[in-house]
Every structure is written in structure tokens, then in C-alpha cells.
Amino acid sequence: MPVSQNFRFGRFAVVSAAALSLSACGINSVPTAEENAKAKWADVQAAFQERANLIPNLAAVAKGAAGQEKGILVGVVEARAKATSVQINPGDLTDPAKMAAFQAAQNQLSTSIGGLGRLLANVEAYPTLKSIDNYQMLQGQIEGQENRIRVALRDYNQAVQSYNTTIRTFPDAIGAKVIYGSKPMVPYQAATPGAEVAPSLEGKL
């Protein structure tokens, strides 16, 4: 084989080995896992925002049916305002304190929605509730949104687990620490008992 061909072959081998070495050290896998987790978090935020958008309709239904029960309605509206004011950007996903604040706000809203459902559980007290326009559609929308939130949180937590595992295991941990300075992301932990089960509003609204 001519010297020039040997040189080109040797250079190609060196470049290939370097690329494989870099890849094995998390050059590609770490940012890929990180971006996937961030994308899943965007889905979580969108799901929570969609739920928040339904609250005014829910409160309007309850107001028409509940009459003097203003305290629970005020609580729902205030919880919604707080939940929508606490935002997490991708850079905050490694901050346990900020994640805890977001989770607490969302959990408070979940609890308030549950209280509103219990308020309207007594259909004998509010016999006109079933006749309110769009009631069935609203009920289905809220239940469906709670399911979407649960799925989005599950997908996010799976992506976080994959990312955290990637940055802690050899050889990806080398690139994660030396090149990216990666920190573990915080999984979403719902503090509300039974939060892993999507609530049913059947017979509650």
C-alpha cells in the first residue's frame, strides 16, 4: 500500500477512534437525555396549563349551582392563580426547592378542585346541576385532563430517571462531569395522597 494511502487510512482510524471515544464519554448521550427530559417537562407544563384553563368554567358551573358557597370557589380561584404564577424553566429542573414550590402549588389546586367536587356531590341540594348546559362535556374534559397530567408526569419522571442514570454511569459520567457539569434533575413527586390515580368527577360535580 502506498505511503499516502497508509497515511490517509491511519488518519481515518485515529479520527474514528476519537469519535467513538468521545461518544462513549457522553458527548452525545448526555445532551440527548437532557433535551428529552426538558421536552417531557414542556409537556407537563402544557398539561397543567390546560387544566388551569378549565378552572374558570368549572367555577362558573359551581357558582350557578352552589349559591352561597363562596369560600370554596374563592379557594379554587386563588389556588389557580398561585399554580399559574409558579413557573419552572428548563434550567430549574435541577433545583429541588423550585421544583418543590411548583409541586406544592399544583397539589393545592388539585385539593381545591377536589373540594369543589365534594361541594357539588349532593345533587339533591343542587337539583338543577345536571341540566346546566355543557355540564357533561365539562366533566369529561376535567377528567380527561387529569389523565393527561398523570401520563405527562409519568413520561417526565421516566426521562429524568434515564438522564440521571446516564450522567452517573461510566463512561458517560466522564463527559457529564468534565464537559457539561451536569447535575441530576428532580423528578416530580405529587404529595397529594392517591395522586397516582386520576380522580373521577362522576357524581362529584
N, C-alpha and C. Protein backbone atom coordinates (compact mmCIF):
# COMPACT_ATOMS: atom_id res chain seq x y z
N MET A 1 0.86 -1.19 0.00
CA MET A 1 0.00 0.00 0.00
C MET A 1 0.90 1.24 0.00
N PRO A 2 0.66 2.21 -0.88
CA PRO A 2 1.48 3.43 -0.92
C PRO A 2 1.46 4.16 0.41
N VAL A 3 2.53 4.97 0.63
CA VAL A 3 2.65 5.70 1.88
C VAL A 3 1.49 6.66 2.09
N SER A 4 1.05 7.35 1.01
CA SER A 4 -0.04 8.32 1.12
C SER A 4 -1.33 7.63 1.54
N GLN A 5 -1.57 6.43 1.01
CA GLN A 5 -2.78 5.69 1.39
C GLN A 5 -2.70 5.22 2.84
N ASN A 6 -1.50 4.78 3.21
CA ASN A 6 -1.31 4.39 4.61
C ASN A 6 -1.59 5.56 5.56
N PHE A 7 -1.14 6.74 5.16
CA PHE A 7 -1.34 7.93 5.99
C PHE A 7 -2.82 8.27 6.11
N ARG A 8 -3.52 8.23 4.96
CA ARG A 8 -4.96 8.53 4.99
C ARG A 8 -5.71 7.50 5.82
N PHE A 9 -5.34 6.24 5.66
CA PHE A 9 -6.01 5.18 6.43
C PHE A 9 -5.75 5.36 7.93
N GLY A 10 -4.49 5.70 8.24
CA GLY A 10 -4.15 5.90 9.65
C GLY A 10 -4.89 7.09 10.24
N ARG A 11 -5.00 8.18 9.47
CA ARG A 11 -5.72 9.36 9.96
C ARG A 11 -7.19 9.06 10.15
N PHE A 12 -7.77 8.30 9.22
CA PHE A 12 -9.18 7.92 9.34
C PHE A 12 -9.41 7.07 10.58
N ALA A 13 -8.47 6.16 10.83
CA ALA A 13 -8.59 5.29 12.01
C ALA A 13 -8.51 6.10 13.29
N VAL A 14 -7.61 7.09 13.32
CA VAL A 14 -7.46 7.94 14.50
C VAL A 14 -8.73 8.76 14.75
N VAL A 15 -9.26 9.35 13.66
CA VAL A 15 -10.47 10.17 13.77
C VAL A 15 -11.64 9.31 14.23
N SER A 16 -11.75 8.12 13.66
CA SER A 16 -12.85 7.21 14.03
C SER A 16 -12.75 6.81 15.50
N ALA A 17 -11.52 6.48 15.92
CA ALA A 17 -11.32 6.08 17.31
C ALA A 17 -11.65 7.23 18.26
N ALA A 18 -11.26 8.45 17.84
CA ALA A 18 -11.54 9.61 18.68
C ALA A 18 -13.04 9.85 18.79
N ALA A 19 -13.75 9.70 17.66
CA ALA A 19 -15.20 9.90 17.66
C ALA A 19 -15.88 8.88 18.55
N LEU A 20 -15.45 7.64 18.46
CA LEU A 20 -16.03 6.60 19.29
C LEU A 20 -15.75 6.85 20.76
N SER A 21 -14.52 7.33 21.02
CA SER A 21 -14.15 7.60 22.41
C SER A 21 -14.98 8.72 22.99
N LEU A 22 -15.16 9.79 22.19
CA LEU A 22 -15.97 10.92 22.65
C LEU A 22 -17.41 10.50 22.87
N SER A 23 -17.93 9.70 21.93
CA SER A 23 -19.31 9.23 22.05
C SER A 23 -19.48 8.39 23.31
N ALA A 24 -18.48 7.57 23.60
CA ALA A 24 -18.55 6.70 24.77
C ALA A 24 -18.45 7.48 26.06
N CYS A 25 -17.93 8.70 25.99
CA CYS A 25 -17.78 9.52 27.19
C CYS A 25 -18.94 10.48 27.39
N GLY A 26 -20.06 10.24 26.72
CA GLY A 26 -21.26 11.02 26.97
C GLY A 26 -21.38 12.29 26.16
N ILE A 27 -20.51 12.50 25.17
CA ILE A 27 -20.57 13.71 24.37
C ILE A 27 -21.94 13.86 23.71
N ASN A 28 -22.49 12.77 23.24
CA ASN A 28 -23.80 12.81 22.59
C ASN A 28 -24.93 12.35 23.51
N SER A 29 -24.67 11.33 24.31
CA SER A 29 -25.75 10.74 25.10
C SER A 29 -26.25 11.66 26.21
N VAL A 30 -25.35 12.42 26.82
CA VAL A 30 -25.75 13.30 27.93
C VAL A 30 -26.70 14.41 27.45
N PRO A 31 -26.31 15.20 26.42
CA PRO A 31 -27.26 16.23 25.98
C PRO A 31 -28.53 15.67 25.38
N THR A 32 -28.44 14.49 24.75
CA THR A 32 -29.64 13.87 24.20
C THR A 32 -30.63 13.54 25.30
N ALA A 33 -30.13 12.94 26.37
CA ALA A 33 -31.00 12.58 27.51
C ALA A 33 -31.54 13.83 28.19
N GLU A 34 -30.72 14.87 28.27
CA GLU A 34 -31.14 16.11 28.91
C GLU A 34 -32.25 16.79 28.12
N GLU A 35 -32.07 16.88 26.81
CA GLU A 35 -33.08 17.53 25.96
C GLU A 35 -34.38 16.74 25.96
N ASN A 36 -34.29 15.43 26.06
CA ASN A 36 -35.50 14.62 26.11
C ASN A 36 -36.28 14.91 27.39
N ALA A 37 -35.58 15.01 28.51
CA ALA A 37 -36.25 15.32 29.78
C ALA A 37 -36.87 16.71 29.75
N LYS A 38 -36.18 17.66 29.16
CA LYS A 38 -36.72 19.01 29.06
C LYS A 38 -37.98 19.04 28.20
N ALA A 39 -37.97 18.27 27.13
CA ALA A 39 -39.15 18.20 26.26
C ALA A 39 -40.33 17.60 27.01
N LYS A 40 -40.06 16.58 27.80
CA LYS A 40 -41.14 15.97 28.59
C LYS A 40 -41.67 16.94 29.64
N TRP A 41 -40.79 17.79 30.19
CA TRP A 41 -41.24 18.79 31.15
C TRP A 41 -42.15 19.81 30.47
N ALA A 42 -41.84 20.16 29.25
CA ALA A 42 -42.70 21.08 28.50
C ALA A 42 -44.10 20.49 28.35
N ASP A 43 -44.18 19.18 28.16
CA ASP A 43 -45.48 18.51 28.08
C ASP A 43 -46.22 18.60 29.42
N VAL A 44 -45.48 18.47 30.52
CA VAL A 44 -46.09 18.58 31.85
C VAL A 44 -46.67 19.98 32.05
N GLN A 45 -45.89 20.99 31.72
CA GLN A 45 -46.36 22.36 31.89
C GLN A 45 -47.60 22.64 31.03
N ALA A 46 -47.60 22.12 29.81
CA ALA A 46 -48.75 22.32 28.94
C ALA A 46 -49.99 21.65 29.51
N ALA A 47 -49.83 20.46 30.08
CA ALA A 47 -50.96 19.74 30.65
C ALA A 47 -51.53 20.49 31.86
N PHE A 48 -50.65 21.01 32.72
CA PHE A 48 -51.12 21.77 33.86
C PHE A 48 -51.80 23.07 33.43
N GLN A 49 -51.26 23.71 32.39
CA GLN A 49 -51.86 24.95 31.91
C GLN A 49 -53.25 24.70 31.33
N GLU A 50 -53.41 23.59 30.62
CA GLU A 50 -54.72 23.26 30.08
C GLU A 50 -55.72 23.03 31.19
N ARG A 51 -55.28 22.39 32.29
CA ARG A 51 -56.17 22.21 33.43
C ARG A 51 -56.56 23.57 34.02
N ALA A 52 -55.58 24.45 34.16
CA ALA A 52 -55.87 25.78 34.70
C ALA A 52 -56.87 26.53 33.84
N ASN A 53 -56.80 26.31 32.54
CA ASN A 53 -57.72 26.99 31.63
C ASN A 53 -59.16 26.52 31.80
N LEU A 54 -59.33 25.30 32.33
CA LEU A 54 -60.67 24.77 32.56
C LEU A 54 -61.30 25.27 33.85
N ILE A 55 -60.48 25.76 34.79
CA ILE A 55 -60.99 26.14 36.11
C ILE A 55 -62.06 27.22 36.04
N PRO A 56 -61.90 28.28 35.24
CA PRO A 56 -62.98 29.28 35.20
C PRO A 56 -64.33 28.69 34.81
N ASN A 57 -64.34 27.74 33.88
CA ASN A 57 -65.60 27.11 33.50
C ASN A 57 -66.17 26.28 34.65
N LEU A 58 -65.27 25.56 35.33
CA LEU A 58 -65.69 24.75 36.47
C LEU A 58 -66.27 25.63 37.57
N ALA A 59 -65.59 26.75 37.86
CA ALA A 59 -66.05 27.66 38.89
C ALA A 59 -67.40 28.27 38.52
N ALA A 60 -67.58 28.54 37.23
CA ALA A 60 -68.86 29.11 36.79
C ALA A 60 -70.00 28.13 37.00
N VAL A 61 -69.76 26.85 36.71
CA VAL A 61 -70.78 25.83 36.93
C VAL A 61 -71.11 25.74 38.42
N ALA A 62 -70.08 25.71 39.25
CA ALA A 62 -70.29 25.59 40.69
C ALA A 62 -70.99 26.82 41.25
N LYS A 63 -70.65 27.98 40.74
CA LYS A 63 -71.27 29.21 41.23
C LYS A 63 -72.76 29.21 40.94
N GLY A 64 -73.13 28.73 39.77
CA GLY A 64 -74.53 28.68 39.42
C GLY A 64 -75.30 27.68 40.24
N ALA A 65 -74.61 26.65 40.72
CA ALA A 65 -75.29 25.59 41.47
C ALA A 65 -75.18 25.76 42.97
N ALA A 66 -74.12 26.43 43.44
CA ALA A 66 -73.83 26.43 44.86
C ALA A 66 -74.41 27.62 45.61
N GLY A 67 -74.73 28.66 44.92
CA GLY A 67 -75.35 29.79 45.60
C GLY A 67 -74.43 30.45 46.59
N GLN A 68 -74.61 30.19 47.88
CA GLN A 68 -73.89 30.93 48.92
C GLN A 68 -72.52 30.32 49.25
N GLU A 69 -72.19 29.21 48.65
CA GLU A 69 -70.91 28.57 48.98
C GLU A 69 -69.76 29.28 48.29
N LYS A 70 -69.41 30.47 48.77
CA LYS A 70 -68.39 31.28 48.12
C LYS A 70 -66.98 30.90 48.54
N GLY A 71 -66.82 30.40 49.75
CA GLY A 71 -65.48 30.14 50.26
C GLY A 71 -64.69 29.17 49.41
N ILE A 72 -65.33 28.06 49.02
CA ILE A 72 -64.63 27.06 48.21
C ILE A 72 -64.31 27.61 46.84
N LEU A 73 -65.23 28.38 46.27
CA LEU A 73 -64.98 28.97 44.96
C LEU A 73 -63.79 29.92 45.00
N VAL A 74 -63.74 30.74 46.05
CA VAL A 74 -62.61 31.66 46.21
C VAL A 74 -61.32 30.87 46.34
N GLY A 75 -61.35 29.76 47.10
CA GLY A 75 -60.16 28.95 47.27
C GLY A 75 -59.67 28.37 45.96
N VAL A 76 -60.60 27.91 45.11
CA VAL A 76 -60.22 27.35 43.82
C VAL A 76 -59.57 28.42 42.95
N VAL A 77 -60.19 29.59 42.91
CA VAL A 77 -59.66 30.67 42.06
C VAL A 77 -58.29 31.11 42.55
N GLU A 78 -58.13 31.23 43.87
CA GLU A 78 -56.83 31.63 44.42
C GLU A 78 -55.77 30.56 44.17
N ALA A 79 -56.15 29.29 44.32
CA ALA A 79 -55.19 28.21 44.07
C ALA A 79 -54.77 28.18 42.60
N ARG A 80 -55.71 28.45 41.72
CA ARG A 80 -55.38 28.51 40.29
C ARG A 80 -54.40 29.64 40.02
N ALA A 81 -54.64 30.81 40.61
CA ALA A 81 -53.75 31.94 40.40
C ALA A 81 -52.34 31.62 40.88
N LYS A 82 -52.23 30.96 42.03
CA LYS A 82 -50.91 30.61 42.56
C LYS A 82 -50.23 29.56 41.68
N ALA A 83 -51.02 28.57 41.25
CA ALA A 83 -50.45 27.49 40.44
C ALA A 83 -49.90 28.01 39.13
N THR A 84 -50.60 28.97 38.53
CA THR A 84 -50.14 29.50 37.24
C THR A 84 -49.02 30.52 37.40
N SER A 85 -48.83 31.05 38.61
CA SER A 85 -47.77 32.05 38.82
C SER A 85 -46.42 31.39 39.09
N VAL A 86 -46.43 30.15 39.54
CA VAL A 86 -45.17 29.43 39.83
C VAL A 86 -44.76 28.66 38.58
N GLN A 87 -43.73 29.13 37.92
CA GLN A 87 -43.28 28.52 36.68
C GLN A 87 -41.88 27.95 36.84
N ILE A 88 -41.62 26.89 36.11
CA ILE A 88 -40.31 26.24 36.12
C ILE A 88 -39.76 26.25 34.70
N ASN A 89 -38.60 26.88 34.52
CA ASN A 89 -37.96 26.81 33.21
C ASN A 89 -36.97 25.64 33.19
N PRO A 90 -36.52 25.24 32.01
CA PRO A 90 -35.64 24.06 31.93
C PRO A 90 -34.42 24.12 32.84
N GLY A 91 -33.90 25.32 33.08
CA GLY A 91 -32.74 25.45 33.93
C GLY A 91 -33.01 25.19 35.40
N ASP A 92 -34.31 25.17 35.77
CA ASP A 92 -34.68 24.96 37.17
C ASP A 92 -34.93 23.49 37.50
N LEU A 93 -34.84 22.62 36.52
CA LEU A 93 -35.18 21.22 36.74
C LEU A 93 -34.18 20.50 37.65
N THR A 94 -33.05 21.15 37.94
CA THR A 94 -32.07 20.57 38.87
C THR A 94 -32.16 21.22 40.24
N ASP A 95 -33.12 22.12 40.43
CA ASP A 95 -33.26 22.85 41.69
C ASP A 95 -34.41 22.25 42.50
N PRO A 96 -34.10 21.48 43.56
CA PRO A 96 -35.15 20.83 44.35
C PRO A 96 -36.12 21.82 44.98
N ALA A 97 -35.63 22.99 45.42
CA ALA A 97 -36.50 23.97 46.08
C ALA A 97 -37.54 24.53 45.11
N LYS A 98 -37.12 24.87 43.91
CA LYS A 98 -38.06 25.42 42.93
C LYS A 98 -39.05 24.37 42.47
N MET A 99 -38.58 23.15 42.32
CA MET A 99 -39.49 22.07 41.93
C MET A 99 -40.51 21.81 43.03
N ALA A 100 -40.06 21.88 44.29
CA ALA A 100 -40.97 21.65 45.41
C ALA A 100 -42.04 22.73 45.45
N ALA A 101 -41.67 23.99 45.15
CA ALA A 101 -42.64 25.08 45.15
C ALA A 101 -43.68 24.88 44.06
N PHE A 102 -43.23 24.44 42.89
CA PHE A 102 -44.16 24.18 41.78
C PHE A 102 -45.11 23.05 42.14
N GLN A 103 -44.57 21.98 42.69
CA GLN A 103 -45.38 20.82 43.06
C GLN A 103 -46.41 21.20 44.12
N ALA A 104 -45.99 22.00 45.10
CA ALA A 104 -46.90 22.40 46.17
C ALA A 104 -48.06 23.21 45.61
N ALA A 105 -47.77 24.10 44.67
CA ALA A 105 -48.82 24.93 44.09
C ALA A 105 -49.81 24.08 43.30
N GLN A 106 -49.31 23.13 42.53
CA GLN A 106 -50.19 22.27 41.75
C GLN A 106 -51.00 21.34 42.66
N ASN A 107 -50.38 20.85 43.72
CA ASN A 107 -51.09 19.99 44.66
C ASN A 107 -52.21 20.75 45.37
N GLN A 108 -51.97 22.00 45.68
CA GLN A 108 -53.00 22.82 46.32
C GLN A 108 -54.19 23.00 45.39
N LEU A 109 -53.92 23.21 44.11
CA LEU A 109 -55.00 23.34 43.15
C LEU A 109 -55.77 22.03 43.02
N SER A 110 -55.06 20.91 43.02
CA SER A 110 -55.73 19.61 42.94
C SER A 110 -56.67 19.41 44.13
N THR A 111 -56.19 19.80 45.31
CA THR A 111 -57.00 19.68 46.52
C THR A 111 -58.23 20.57 46.44
N SER A 112 -58.06 21.79 45.92
CA SER A 112 -59.18 22.71 45.80
C SER A 112 -60.23 22.20 44.82
N ILE A 113 -59.78 21.60 43.73
CA ILE A 113 -60.71 21.03 42.78
C ILE A 113 -61.50 19.91 43.44
N GLY A 114 -60.80 19.10 44.24
CA GLY A 114 -61.49 18.03 44.95
C GLY A 114 -62.53 18.56 45.91
N GLY A 115 -62.21 19.68 46.58
CA GLY A 115 -63.17 20.29 47.49
C GLY A 115 -64.39 20.81 46.76
N LEU A 116 -64.18 21.35 45.59
CA LEU A 116 -65.29 21.83 44.79
C LEU A 116 -66.18 20.67 44.35
N GLY A 117 -65.54 19.56 44.03
CA GLY A 117 -66.32 18.38 43.65
C GLY A 117 -67.17 17.87 44.80
N ARG A 118 -66.59 17.88 46.01
CA ARG A 118 -67.35 17.43 47.18
C ARG A 118 -68.50 18.37 47.49
N LEU A 119 -68.29 19.66 47.23
CA LEU A 119 -69.36 20.64 47.45
C LEU A 119 -70.58 20.29 46.60
N LEU A 120 -70.35 19.85 45.40
CA LEU A 120 -71.45 19.58 44.48
C LEU A 120 -71.89 18.13 44.46
N ALA A 121 -71.34 17.32 45.36
CA ALA A 121 -71.69 15.90 45.38
C ALA A 121 -73.15 15.68 45.72
N ASN A 122 -73.71 16.54 46.52
CA ASN A 122 -75.09 16.38 46.95
C ASN A 122 -76.02 16.94 45.87
N VAL A 123 -76.36 16.11 44.91
CA VAL A 123 -77.18 16.58 43.80
C VAL A 123 -78.59 16.91 44.24
N GLU A 124 -79.00 16.40 45.38
CA GLU A 124 -80.32 16.74 45.88
C GLU A 124 -80.38 18.20 46.30
N ALA A 125 -79.25 18.70 46.82
CA ALA A 125 -79.20 20.10 47.22
C ALA A 125 -79.14 21.02 46.01
N TYR A 126 -78.56 20.49 44.90
CA TYR A 126 -78.44 21.29 43.69
C TYR A 126 -79.07 20.53 42.53
N PRO A 127 -80.41 20.39 42.53
CA PRO A 127 -81.07 19.54 41.54
C PRO A 127 -80.98 20.05 40.11
N THR A 128 -80.64 21.31 39.93
CA THR A 128 -80.57 21.84 38.57
C THR A 128 -79.21 21.62 37.93
N LEU A 129 -78.26 21.09 38.70
CA LEU A 129 -76.90 20.97 38.19
C LEU A 129 -76.83 20.14 36.92
N LYS A 130 -77.54 19.02 36.88
CA LYS A 130 -77.45 18.14 35.73
C LYS A 130 -77.99 18.79 34.47
N SER A 131 -78.78 19.81 34.63
CA SER A 131 -79.38 20.44 33.46
C SER A 131 -78.56 21.60 32.92
N ILE A 132 -77.49 21.94 33.61
CA ILE A 132 -76.67 23.05 33.15
C ILE A 132 -76.03 22.69 31.82
N ASP A 133 -76.11 23.62 30.87
CA ASP A 133 -75.53 23.39 29.55
C ASP A 133 -74.04 23.07 29.67
N ASN A 134 -73.61 22.11 28.88
CA ASN A 134 -72.20 21.71 28.78
C ASN A 134 -71.67 21.04 30.05
N TYR A 135 -72.54 20.68 30.98
CA TYR A 135 -72.05 20.05 32.21
C TYR A 135 -71.32 18.75 31.91
N GLN A 136 -71.94 17.87 31.13
CA GLN A 136 -71.32 16.58 30.83
C GLN A 136 -70.00 16.75 30.09
N MET A 137 -69.99 17.71 29.16
CA MET A 137 -68.76 17.94 28.41
C MET A 137 -67.65 18.46 29.33
N LEU A 138 -68.01 19.37 30.24
CA LEU A 138 -67.02 19.91 31.17
C LEU A 138 -66.49 18.82 32.09
N GLN A 139 -67.38 17.97 32.57
CA GLN A 139 -66.96 16.87 33.43
C GLN A 139 -65.96 15.98 32.72
N GLY A 140 -66.25 15.63 31.46
CA GLY A 140 -65.34 14.78 30.70
C GLY A 140 -64.01 15.46 30.42
N GLN A 141 -64.04 16.76 30.17
CA GLN A 141 -62.80 17.50 29.90
C GLN A 141 -61.88 17.50 31.12
N ILE A 142 -62.46 17.71 32.30
CA ILE A 142 -61.64 17.77 33.51
C ILE A 142 -61.05 16.40 33.83
N GLU A 143 -61.86 15.37 33.73
CA GLU A 143 -61.35 14.02 33.99
C GLU A 143 -60.27 13.65 32.98
N GLY A 144 -60.52 14.00 31.71
CA GLY A 144 -59.53 13.70 30.69
C GLY A 144 -58.23 14.44 30.90
N GLN A 145 -58.33 15.69 31.37
CA GLN A 145 -57.12 16.47 31.60
C GLN A 145 -56.32 15.93 32.77
N GLU A 146 -56.99 15.46 33.80
CA GLU A 146 -56.27 14.85 34.93
C GLU A 146 -55.52 13.60 34.46
N ASN A 147 -56.10 12.86 33.55
CA ASN A 147 -55.41 11.69 32.99
C ASN A 147 -54.18 12.11 32.19
N ARG A 148 -54.33 13.18 31.40
CA ARG A 148 -53.19 13.65 30.60
C ARG A 148 -52.07 14.15 31.49
N ILE A 149 -52.42 14.79 32.59
CA ILE A 149 -51.40 15.25 33.53
C ILE A 149 -50.64 14.06 34.10
N ARG A 150 -51.38 13.04 34.48
CA ARG A 150 -50.75 11.85 35.05
C ARG A 150 -49.79 11.20 34.06
N VAL A 151 -50.21 11.10 32.80
CA VAL A 151 -49.35 10.50 31.76
C VAL A 151 -48.12 11.36 31.52
N ALA A 152 -48.31 12.69 31.47
CA ALA A 152 -47.18 13.60 31.22
C ALA A 152 -46.17 13.51 32.36
N LEU A 153 -46.66 13.42 33.60
CA LEU A 153 -45.75 13.31 34.74
C LEU A 153 -44.99 11.98 34.71
N ARG A 154 -45.68 10.92 34.34
CA ARG A 154 -45.03 9.61 34.25
C ARG A 154 -43.91 9.65 33.21
N ASP A 155 -44.20 10.24 32.05
CA ASP A 155 -43.20 10.31 30.98
C ASP A 155 -42.02 11.18 31.39
N TYR A 156 -42.31 12.28 32.09
CA TYR A 156 -41.23 13.15 32.56
C TYR A 156 -40.33 12.42 33.55
N ASN A 157 -40.94 11.76 34.50
CA ASN A 157 -40.15 11.05 35.51
C ASN A 157 -39.30 9.93 34.89
N GLN A 158 -39.83 9.27 33.88
CA GLN A 158 -39.04 8.26 33.19
C GLN A 158 -37.85 8.88 32.47
N ALA A 159 -38.07 10.05 31.84
CA ALA A 159 -36.98 10.74 31.15
C ALA A 159 -35.93 11.23 32.14
N VAL A 160 -36.37 11.71 33.30
CA VAL A 160 -35.44 12.16 34.34
C VAL A 160 -34.62 10.99 34.86
N GLN A 161 -35.27 9.86 35.07
CA GLN A 161 -34.56 8.68 35.54
C GLN A 161 -33.48 8.27 34.53
N SER A 162 -33.83 8.30 33.25
CA SER A 162 -32.87 7.94 32.22
C SER A 162 -31.70 8.92 32.19
N TYR A 163 -31.99 10.21 32.29
CA TYR A 163 -30.93 11.23 32.29
C TYR A 163 -30.04 11.08 33.52
N ASN A 164 -30.65 10.97 34.68
CA ASN A 164 -29.86 10.85 35.91
C ASN A 164 -28.98 9.60 35.90
N THR A 165 -29.49 8.52 35.34
CA THR A 165 -28.69 7.30 35.22
C THR A 165 -27.53 7.50 34.26
N THR A 166 -27.79 8.20 33.16
CA THR A 166 -26.75 8.45 32.15
C THR A 166 -25.59 9.23 32.74
N ILE A 167 -25.87 10.29 33.48
CA ILE A 167 -24.79 11.14 33.98
C ILE A 167 -24.05 10.53 35.16
N ARG A 168 -24.57 9.42 35.68
CA ARG A 168 -23.91 8.78 36.83
C ARG A 168 -23.16 7.50 36.48
N THR A 169 -23.35 7.00 35.27
CA THR A 169 -22.76 5.72 34.91
C THR A 169 -21.59 5.90 33.95
N PHE A 170 -20.61 5.05 34.11
CA PHE A 170 -19.41 5.07 33.27
C PHE A 170 -19.74 4.45 31.91
N PRO A 171 -19.22 4.99 30.80
CA PRO A 171 -18.29 6.12 30.71
C PRO A 171 -18.96 7.48 30.50
N ASP A 172 -20.32 7.53 30.39
CA ASP A 172 -21.00 8.80 30.14
C ASP A 172 -20.75 9.81 31.25
N ALA A 173 -20.51 9.31 32.46
CA ALA A 173 -20.29 10.21 33.59
C ALA A 173 -19.07 11.10 33.39
N ILE A 174 -18.12 10.64 32.59
CA ILE A 174 -16.90 11.43 32.34
C ILE A 174 -17.27 12.73 31.63
N GLY A 175 -17.99 12.59 30.50
CA GLY A 175 -18.40 13.78 29.76
C GLY A 175 -19.37 14.63 30.56
N ALA A 176 -20.27 13.97 31.31
CA ALA A 176 -21.25 14.71 32.09
C ALA A 176 -20.57 15.62 33.11
N LYS A 177 -19.52 15.13 33.75
CA LYS A 177 -18.85 15.89 34.80
C LYS A 177 -17.82 16.87 34.23
N VAL A 178 -16.98 16.38 33.33
CA VAL A 178 -15.85 17.19 32.85
C VAL A 178 -16.30 18.23 31.83
N ILE A 179 -17.18 17.84 30.91
CA ILE A 179 -17.54 18.73 29.81
C ILE A 179 -18.79 19.55 30.11
N TYR A 180 -19.83 18.90 30.63
CA TYR A 180 -21.12 19.56 30.80
C TYR A 180 -21.39 20.06 32.21
N GLY A 181 -20.71 19.55 33.19
CA GLY A 181 -21.01 19.93 34.56
C GLY A 181 -22.45 19.58 34.93
N SER A 182 -22.89 18.44 34.48
CA SER A 182 -24.29 18.05 34.64
C SER A 182 -24.68 17.82 36.10
N LYS A 183 -25.91 18.19 36.42
CA LYS A 183 -26.47 17.95 37.74
C LYS A 183 -27.74 17.10 37.59
N PRO A 184 -28.04 16.26 38.58
CA PRO A 184 -29.25 15.45 38.49
C PRO A 184 -30.50 16.31 38.41
N MET A 185 -31.46 15.88 37.63
CA MET A 185 -32.75 16.56 37.57
C MET A 185 -33.66 16.02 38.66
N VAL A 186 -34.65 16.81 39.02
CA VAL A 186 -35.56 16.46 40.10
C VAL A 186 -36.83 15.84 39.52
N PRO A 187 -37.18 14.63 39.91
CA PRO A 187 -38.44 14.03 39.46
C PRO A 187 -39.62 14.72 40.12
N TYR A 188 -40.78 14.58 39.51
CA TYR A 188 -41.99 15.18 40.07
C TYR A 188 -42.59 14.22 41.08
N GLN A 189 -42.81 14.73 42.28
CA GLN A 189 -43.38 13.90 43.35
C GLN A 189 -44.65 14.56 43.86
N ALA A 190 -45.79 13.99 43.50
CA ALA A 190 -47.06 14.53 43.96
C ALA A 190 -47.25 14.17 45.42
N ALA A 191 -47.48 15.19 46.24
CA ALA A 191 -47.62 14.97 47.67
C ALA A 191 -49.04 14.60 48.06
N THR A 192 -49.99 14.81 47.17
CA THR A 192 -51.38 14.52 47.49
C THR A 192 -51.62 13.02 47.54
N PRO A 193 -52.14 12.48 48.63
CA PRO A 193 -52.41 11.03 48.70
C PRO A 193 -53.31 10.58 47.56
N GLY A 194 -52.92 9.48 46.93
CA GLY A 194 -53.73 8.95 45.83
C GLY A 194 -53.55 9.70 44.53
N ALA A 195 -52.50 10.55 44.43
CA ALA A 195 -52.31 11.35 43.23
C ALA A 195 -51.97 10.51 42.02
N GLU A 196 -51.52 9.27 42.27
CA GLU A 196 -51.18 8.42 41.14
C GLU A 196 -52.44 7.90 40.43
N VAL A 197 -53.60 8.11 41.04
CA VAL A 197 -54.86 7.68 40.44
C VAL A 197 -55.62 8.91 39.98
N ALA A 198 -55.97 8.97 38.72
CA ALA A 198 -56.71 10.11 38.19
C ALA A 198 -58.07 10.19 38.86
N PRO A 199 -58.44 11.36 39.39
CA PRO A 199 -59.73 11.47 40.09
C PRO A 199 -60.90 11.38 39.12
N SER A 200 -61.98 10.84 39.61
CA SER A 200 -63.21 10.79 38.83
C SER A 200 -64.17 11.81 39.41
N LEU A 201 -64.76 12.62 38.54
CA LEU A 201 -65.70 13.63 38.98
C LEU A 201 -67.13 13.15 38.84
N GLU A 202 -67.30 11.91 38.44
CA GLU A 202 -68.65 11.35 38.31
C GLU A 202 -69.34 11.37 39.66
N GLY A 203 -70.47 12.05 39.71
CA GLY A 203 -71.22 12.12 40.95
C GLY A 203 -70.65 13.11 41.95
N LYS A 204 -69.59 13.84 41.53
CA LYS A 204 -68.99 14.81 42.43
C LYS A 204 -69.30 16.24 42.01
N LEU A 205 -69.42 16.44 40.69
CA LEU A 205 -69.69 17.78 40.21
C LEU A 205 -71.18 18.07 40.23
